[in-house]
Amino acid sequence: MREEIIEILEDIIMERPDDINDCETLIDQGYLDSMDIVALVMDLNNNFNVAITVNDLIPDNFNSVAAIEKLIKRLQ
């Protein structure tokens, strides 16, 4: 799951941190903007067969690969 999340992020983020796997500030440091989040949510929904809702759209759920993985596991 983690590798697939990283692949999705690498496809979406143009300017990414040196080690995306360890970055815990994807939103806070501007690596992901609002349009990126929309694309990310669509890809995550499709690839992992989950339904990310408006209530899930908080920075804590998308600031790191680990946070995204935790969100997906919770929704599966």
Protein backbone atom coordinates (compact mmCIF):
# COMPACT_ATOMS: atom_id res chain seq x y z
CA MET A 1 0.00 0.00 0.00
CA ARG A 2 2.74 2.46 0.98
CA GLU A 3 4.56 2.06 -2.34
CA GLU A 4 1.36 2.67 -4.29
CA ILE A 5 0.66 5.82 -2.26
CA ILE A 6 4.19 7.06 -2.97
CA GLU A 7 3.73 6.40 -6.70
CA ILE A 8 0.46 8.36 -6.69
CA LEU A 9 2.11 11.27 -4.85
CA GLU A 10 5.09 11.27 -7.20
CA ASP A 11 2.71 11.53 -10.17
CA ILE A 12 0.86 14.47 -8.59
CA ILE A 13 3.54 16.55 -6.87
CA MET A 14 5.75 18.54 -9.23
CA GLU A 15 8.24 19.86 -6.66
CA ARG A 16 8.60 17.18 -4.05
CA PRO A 17 10.80 16.70 -1.00
CA ASP A 18 14.00 14.69 -1.34
CA ASP A 19 12.49 11.75 0.53
CA ILE A 20 8.74 11.78 0.10
CA ASN A 21 8.41 8.67 2.28
CA ASP A 22 9.76 10.47 5.37
CA CYS A 23 8.23 13.92 4.78
CA GLU A 24 5.64 14.84 7.39
CA THR A 25 4.78 18.28 6.02
CA LEU A 26 3.42 17.66 2.51
CA ILE A 27 0.66 20.24 2.98
CA ASP A 28 2.30 22.48 5.58
CA GLN A 29 5.30 23.15 3.33
CA GLY A 30 3.23 23.53 0.18
CA TYR A 31 4.17 20.32 -1.63
CA LEU A 32 0.44 19.61 -1.97
CA ASP A 33 -1.98 22.40 -2.83
CA SER A 34 -5.77 22.27 -3.03
CA MET A 35 -5.83 21.08 -6.64
CA ASP A 36 -3.30 18.37 -5.80
CA ILE A 37 -5.51 17.22 -2.93
CA VAL A 38 -8.47 16.87 -5.31
CA ALA A 39 -6.39 14.74 -7.68
CA LEU A 40 -4.94 12.74 -4.79
CA VAL A 41 -8.38 12.01 -3.31
CA MET A 42 -9.69 10.85 -6.68
CA ASP A 43 -6.69 8.56 -7.21
CA LEU A 44 -6.86 7.16 -3.67
CA ASN A 45 -10.61 6.53 -3.98
CA ASN A 46 -10.11 4.71 -7.28
CA ASN A 47 -6.96 2.75 -6.43
CA PHE A 48 -7.98 1.63 -2.94
CA ASN A 49 -11.77 1.45 -3.40
CA VAL A 50 -12.47 3.87 -0.54
CA ALA A 51 -14.69 6.93 -0.22
CA ILE A 52 -12.80 9.89 1.23
CA THR A 53 -15.40 12.41 2.42
CA VAL A 54 -15.32 16.12 3.12
CA ASN A 55 -14.91 15.32 6.81
CA ASP A 56 -11.66 13.50 5.98
CA LEU A 57 -10.18 16.51 4.18
CA ILE A 58 -8.00 17.81 6.98
CA PRO A 59 -4.24 18.43 6.71
CA ASP A 60 -3.45 15.80 9.35
CA ASN A 61 -4.75 13.10 7.00
CA PHE A 62 -2.55 14.18 4.08
CA ASN A 63 0.65 15.63 5.56
CA SER A 64 2.60 12.38 5.18
CA VAL A 65 2.59 9.01 3.46
CA ALA A 66 2.00 7.40 6.86
CA ALA A 67 -1.04 9.63 7.51
CA ILE A 68 -2.50 8.82 4.09
CA GLU A 69 -1.91 5.12 4.68
CA LYS A 70 -3.63 5.34 8.08
CA LEU A 71 -6.61 7.14 6.51
CA ILE A 72 -7.00 4.49 3.82
CA LYS A 73 -6.77 1.63 6.30
CA ARG A 74 -9.44 3.29 8.42
CA LEU A 75 -11.75 3.65 5.41
CA GLN A 76 -11.32 0.13 4.06
